[in-house]
């Protein structure tokens, strides 16, 4: 006999920047503040017994801070966190990497720098911050930065490479990513001229698939919310993928639904449909 109970997510996967945290106008960084509606909505998910998994392009050390602000570990369980666009999965607290995918980034980095020779390059220095080829715009990289030679940065396999050209546009990088076509490397373009290089097949979706398998949860029972191009695979993979209201059309077109903007606490609106606040009917949220 078919299960006729209404659908309710068992796992809620949440992007951070532009989804949980509001963008600082004109800069490629977020306000490191969680609004009360978003905090309360996340707590209702946890109170129900469902899981909340942060899924971001951020490095792990920049995600545990947000987990703390959301009080995700207040229910006593170690969290699952999907970092570096799916290349790194960790448990927290304490932070422990339990799954990582790496790749040889030398050819891809060389190809991008041939087109954008003045672009900046960054590779995560685990637990510290990033090794960088030069100073990034203020606030775009969290943690400590250590200036290093690009060849040294990618001499060994890495989980992710960031390439940033303050003199270019996101549209420039979208065209660039589509023309390179290098074997073994995937590309994701951010809101600005920001390019993430990753192993082929690795995305937030693959990281979440790993977590869902560990938890025994089917992808059909996952709600995912995000706003960027690096969220597209995640939104398509989840049982219900929801784009934030300020997302570009490419992201919205790959989502099942669109919620309010980050400035209107759109993530809380969508979560409230399935985990309503007391006195609310939920589905009209």
Protein backbone atom coordinates (compact mmCIF):
# COMPACT_ATOMS: atom_id res chain seq x y z
CA UNK A 1 0.00 0.00 0.00
CA UNK A 2 1.53 3.36 -1.00
CA UNK A 3 2.66 5.78 1.71
CA UNK A 4 0.17 8.67 1.56
CA UNK A 5 1.78 10.80 4.25
CA UNK A 6 2.70 14.34 3.07
CA UNK A 7 6.32 14.82 2.05
CA UNK A 8 8.64 16.27 4.66
CA UNK A 9 12.41 16.62 4.27
CA UNK A 10 14.64 14.35 6.32
CA UNK A 11 17.71 16.38 5.38
CA UNK A 12 17.93 20.10 4.63
CA UNK A 13 21.03 21.12 2.66
CA UNK A 14 21.85 24.81 2.87
CA UNK A 15 24.25 26.99 0.93
CA UNK A 16 25.76 29.76 3.06
CA UNK A 17 26.61 32.96 1.18
CA UNK A 18 23.55 34.49 -0.43
CA UNK A 19 21.30 31.89 1.19
CA UNK A 20 21.86 32.00 4.94
CA UNK A 21 24.06 35.12 4.97
CA UNK A 22 23.34 38.36 3.14
CA UNK A 23 25.80 39.74 0.61
CA UNK A 24 27.66 42.97 1.33
CA UNK A 25 26.57 45.27 -1.50
CA UNK A 26 29.20 45.58 -4.21
CA UNK A 27 31.68 43.20 -2.60
CA UNK A 28 32.29 39.48 -2.99
CA UNK A 29 31.70 38.77 0.68
CA UNK A 30 28.85 38.23 3.14
CA UNK A 31 27.74 39.81 6.36
CA UNK A 32 28.75 37.21 8.96
CA UNK A 33 25.40 37.54 10.70
CA UNK A 34 22.49 35.09 10.88
CA UNK A 35 19.07 36.72 11.12
CA UNK A 36 16.61 35.58 13.77
CA UNK A 37 14.09 34.15 11.26
CA UNK A 38 16.80 32.00 9.62
CA UNK A 39 18.22 30.87 12.97
CA UNK A 40 14.76 29.93 14.27
CA UNK A 41 13.82 28.08 11.07
CA UNK A 42 16.98 25.98 11.23
CA UNK A 43 16.32 25.18 14.87
CA UNK A 44 12.83 23.90 13.98
CA UNK A 45 14.39 21.49 11.48
CA UNK A 46 16.70 20.13 14.17
CA UNK A 47 13.88 20.00 16.74
CA UNK A 48 11.93 17.77 14.34
CA UNK A 49 14.76 15.24 14.21
CA UNK A 50 15.74 16.04 10.62
CA UNK A 51 19.33 16.82 9.65
CA UNK A 52 20.78 20.16 8.55
CA UNK A 53 23.90 20.04 6.37
CA UNK A 54 25.80 23.17 5.36
CA UNK A 55 26.96 22.85 1.75
CA UNK A 56 29.24 25.58 0.46
CA UNK A 57 32.20 26.48 -1.67
CA UNK A 58 33.85 27.76 1.48
CA UNK A 59 36.83 26.06 3.06
CA UNK A 60 36.01 23.99 6.17
CA UNK A 61 37.34 26.50 8.69
CA UNK A 62 35.06 29.19 7.22
CA UNK A 63 32.02 26.93 7.61
CA UNK A 64 32.37 25.84 11.22
CA UNK A 65 32.01 29.49 12.22
CA UNK A 66 28.60 29.61 10.54
CA UNK A 67 27.62 26.28 12.14
CA UNK A 68 28.36 27.88 15.49
CA UNK A 69 26.24 30.95 14.68
CA UNK A 70 23.33 28.68 13.75
CA UNK A 71 23.85 26.53 16.88
CA UNK A 72 23.71 23.45 14.66
CA UNK A 73 25.49 21.28 17.22
CA UNK A 74 23.15 22.20 20.05
CA UNK A 75 21.34 18.87 19.73
CA UNK A 76 24.41 16.89 20.69
CA UNK A 77 25.26 15.21 17.39
CA UNK A 78 28.41 15.82 15.40
CA UNK A 79 27.46 17.67 12.24
CA UNK A 80 28.06 16.73 8.65
CA UNK A 81 29.47 19.61 6.59
CA UNK A 82 30.07 19.65 2.83
CA UNK A 83 32.90 22.07 2.02
CA UNK A 84 34.90 23.18 -1.03
CA UNK A 85 31.94 22.57 -3.36
CA UNK A 86 31.73 18.91 -2.40
CA UNK A 87 35.43 18.02 -2.51
CA UNK A 88 35.69 17.88 1.30
CA UNK A 89 33.24 16.37 3.79
CA UNK A 90 33.85 16.82 7.50
CA UNK A 91 32.33 16.09 10.89
CA UNK A 92 32.17 18.83 13.53
CA UNK A 93 32.91 19.41 16.37
CA UNK A 94 35.80 18.91 16.42
CA UNK A 95 36.53 19.40 12.73
CA UNK A 96 37.53 16.07 11.17
CA UNK A 97 37.81 15.49 7.42
CA UNK A 98 36.19 12.15 6.63
CA UNK A 99 36.10 12.32 2.82
CA UNK A 100 38.17 14.25 0.29
CA UNK A 101 38.62 14.17 -3.48
CA UNK A 102 41.74 15.70 -5.04
CA UNK A 103 43.04 16.26 -8.58
CA UNK A 104 46.08 17.44 -10.51
CA UNK A 105 45.29 21.10 -11.19
CA UNK A 106 48.50 22.10 -12.99
CA UNK A 107 47.20 21.98 -16.58
CA UNK A 108 43.92 23.74 -15.73
CA UNK A 109 45.61 26.54 -13.81
CA UNK A 110 48.13 27.08 -16.61
CA UNK A 111 45.33 27.23 -19.20
CA UNK A 112 43.37 29.83 -17.23
CA UNK A 113 46.43 31.98 -16.52
CA UNK A 114 47.30 31.94 -20.21
CA UNK A 115 44.00 33.76 -20.83
CA UNK A 116 44.09 35.84 -17.63
CA UNK A 117 47.79 36.27 -16.75
CA UNK A 118 47.10 38.80 -13.97
CA UNK A 119 44.54 36.61 -12.21
CA UNK A 120 45.04 35.65 -8.57
CA UNK A 121 45.28 31.99 -7.51
CA UNK A 122 44.45 30.47 -4.11
CA UNK A 123 44.66 26.97 -2.67
CA UNK A 124 43.44 26.03 0.80
CA UNK A 125 46.01 25.59 3.55
CA UNK A 126 44.04 23.22 5.78
CA UNK A 127 43.17 24.68 9.16
CA UNK A 128 44.96 27.97 8.49
CA UNK A 129 43.55 29.73 5.48
CA UNK A 130 44.92 29.89 1.95
CA UNK A 131 48.14 30.00 0.02
CA UNK A 132 47.73 32.79 -2.54
CA UNK A 133 49.68 34.15 -5.49
CA UNK A 134 48.89 37.69 -4.36
CA UNK A 135 46.47 39.66 -2.14
CA UNK A 136 42.78 39.00 -2.83
CA UNK A 137 40.18 41.77 -2.44
CA UNK A 138 39.46 42.43 1.24
CA UNK A 139 37.11 39.96 2.88
CA UNK A 140 36.88 37.46 0.01
CA UNK A 141 39.05 34.81 1.64
CA UNK A 142 38.68 33.90 5.30
CA UNK A 143 41.54 32.95 7.57
CA UNK A 144 45.23 33.64 7.11
CA UNK A 145 46.74 34.05 3.65
CA UNK A 146 50.30 33.03 2.80
CA UNK A 147 51.85 34.30 -0.44
CA UNK A 148 53.37 31.46 -2.46
CA UNK A 149 54.48 30.57 -5.97
CA UNK A 150 51.68 29.16 -8.14
CA UNK A 151 53.77 26.22 -9.30
CA UNK A 152 54.43 25.23 -5.70
CA UNK A 153 50.75 25.63 -4.79
CA UNK A 154 49.62 23.05 -7.37
CA UNK A 155 52.68 20.80 -7.36
CA UNK A 156 50.70 18.20 -5.39
CA UNK A 157 47.05 17.16 -5.90
CA UNK A 158 44.54 19.60 -4.39
CA UNK A 159 40.82 19.50 -3.68
CA UNK A 160 40.06 22.92 -5.12
CA UNK A 161 41.71 25.93 -6.75
CA UNK A 162 40.26 29.45 -6.72
CA UNK A 163 41.10 31.83 -9.53
CA UNK A 164 40.05 35.47 -9.21
CA UNK A 165 40.53 38.33 -11.65
CA UNK A 166 39.35 41.65 -10.18
CA UNK A 167 39.71 43.22 -13.63
CA UNK A 168 37.35 40.75 -15.33
CA UNK A 169 33.63 40.00 -15.02
CA UNK A 170 31.63 36.88 -14.19
CA UNK A 171 30.51 36.80 -17.83
CA UNK A 172 34.16 36.75 -18.94
CA UNK A 173 34.75 33.69 -16.76
CA UNK A 174 31.58 31.94 -17.95
CA UNK A 175 32.89 32.21 -21.53
CA UNK A 176 36.36 31.13 -20.42
CA UNK A 177 35.10 28.06 -18.55
CA UNK A 178 33.07 26.98 -21.56
CA UNK A 179 36.04 27.22 -23.91
CA UNK A 180 38.77 25.46 -21.93
CA UNK A 181 37.40 21.90 -21.90
CA UNK A 182 40.32 20.35 -20.07
CA UNK A 183 40.11 16.66 -19.21
CA UNK A 184 39.81 15.86 -15.51
CA UNK A 185 38.67 19.28 -14.32
CA UNK A 186 35.30 20.89 -13.69
CA UNK A 187 34.64 24.61 -13.43
CA UNK A 188 32.17 26.73 -11.49
CA UNK A 189 31.86 30.49 -11.92
CA UNK A 190 30.79 32.68 -9.00
CA UNK A 191 28.97 36.00 -8.84
CA UNK A 192 32.14 37.89 -9.74
CA UNK A 193 35.13 36.93 -11.89
CA UNK A 194 35.72 34.01 -9.56
CA UNK A 195 36.43 30.54 -10.91
CA UNK A 196 36.52 27.35 -8.84
CA UNK A 197 38.47 24.46 -10.34
CA UNK A 198 37.50 21.03 -9.03
CA UNK A 199 37.84 17.33 -9.86
CA UNK A 200 35.46 16.12 -12.56
CA UNK A 201 32.21 14.83 -11.09
CA UNK A 202 32.72 16.61 -7.78
CA UNK A 203 30.04 19.07 -6.74
CA UNK A 204 27.86 19.87 -3.78
CA UNK A 205 25.59 17.09 -5.05
CA UNK A 206 28.34 14.46 -4.85
CA UNK A 207 29.31 15.61 -1.37
CA UNK A 208 25.70 15.47 -0.21
CA UNK A 209 25.24 12.06 -1.81
CA UNK A 210 28.11 10.80 0.37
CA UNK A 211 26.50 12.28 3.50
CA UNK A 212 23.03 10.96 2.62
CA UNK A 213 24.43 7.46 2.19
CA UNK A 214 26.09 7.62 5.62
CA UNK A 215 22.78 8.73 7.15
CA UNK A 216 20.64 6.24 5.21
CA UNK A 217 18.58 9.03 3.62
CA UNK A 218 17.33 8.93 0.03
CA UNK A 219 17.94 11.98 -2.16
CA UNK A 220 14.17 12.17 -2.68
CA UNK A 221 13.87 13.19 0.98
CA UNK A 222 16.34 16.08 0.71
CA UNK A 223 15.44 19.77 0.54
CA UNK A 224 18.26 21.91 -0.88
CA UNK A 225 18.37 25.71 -1.00
CA UNK A 226 20.99 27.81 -2.79
CA UNK A 227 21.61 30.85 -4.94
CA UNK A 228 24.75 30.35 -7.05
CA UNK A 229 25.92 28.50 -10.12
CA UNK A 230 27.78 26.13 -7.80
CA UNK A 231 24.39 25.13 -6.37
CA UNK A 232 22.89 23.92 -9.65
CA UNK A 233 23.94 20.26 -9.30
CA UNK A 234 22.72 20.24 -5.69
CA UNK A 235 19.33 21.70 -6.61
CA UNK A 236 18.88 19.17 -9.41
CA UNK A 237 19.99 16.25 -7.21
CA UNK A 238 17.71 16.95 -4.24
CA UNK A 239 14.12 15.79 -4.00
CA UNK A 240 13.21 19.47 -3.83
CA UNK A 241 15.70 22.09 -4.99
CA UNK A 242 14.87 25.73 -4.29
CA UNK A 243 16.63 28.79 -5.69
CA UNK A 244 16.90 32.03 -3.77
CA UNK A 245 14.98 34.96 -5.26
CA UNK A 246 18.10 36.91 -6.27
CA UNK A 247 19.62 33.97 -8.17
CA UNK A 248 20.54 34.34 -11.83
CA UNK A 249 18.11 32.74 -14.29
CA UNK A 250 20.44 29.79 -14.93
CA UNK A 251 20.07 28.76 -11.28
CA UNK A 252 16.31 29.37 -11.15
CA UNK A 253 15.80 27.33 -14.31
CA UNK A 254 17.39 24.31 -12.62
CA UNK A 255 15.31 24.56 -9.44
CA UNK A 256 11.91 23.12 -8.57
CA UNK A 257 10.84 26.39 -6.99
CA UNK A 258 12.04 29.90 -6.17
CA UNK A 259 11.76 31.42 -2.70
CA UNK A 260 12.30 35.00 -1.48
CA UNK A 261 15.61 36.81 -1.71
CA UNK A 262 18.28 36.55 0.95
CA UNK A 263 17.38 40.07 2.07
CA UNK A 264 13.82 38.81 2.68
CA UNK A 265 15.02 35.69 4.54
CA UNK A 266 13.96 33.46 1.65
CA UNK A 267 15.62 30.40 3.20
CA UNK A 268 13.46 30.80 6.30
CA UNK A 269 10.37 31.17 4.10
CA UNK A 270 11.06 27.88 2.33
CA UNK A 271 11.98 26.00 5.50
CA UNK A 272 8.78 27.32 7.08
CA UNK A 273 6.70 25.50 4.47
CA UNK A 274 7.85 22.16 5.89
CA UNK A 275 8.80 23.08 9.45
CA UNK A 276 6.30 25.79 10.38
CA UNK A 277 6.58 28.02 13.42
CA UNK A 278 3.98 27.46 16.15
CA UNK A 279 0.68 28.95 15.06
CA UNK A 280 1.57 28.86 11.36
CA UNK A 281 0.07 26.45 8.83
CA UNK A 282 3.42 26.20 7.06
CA UNK A 283 2.44 25.56 3.45
CA UNK A 284 1.48 29.18 2.81
CA UNK A 285 4.77 30.49 4.17
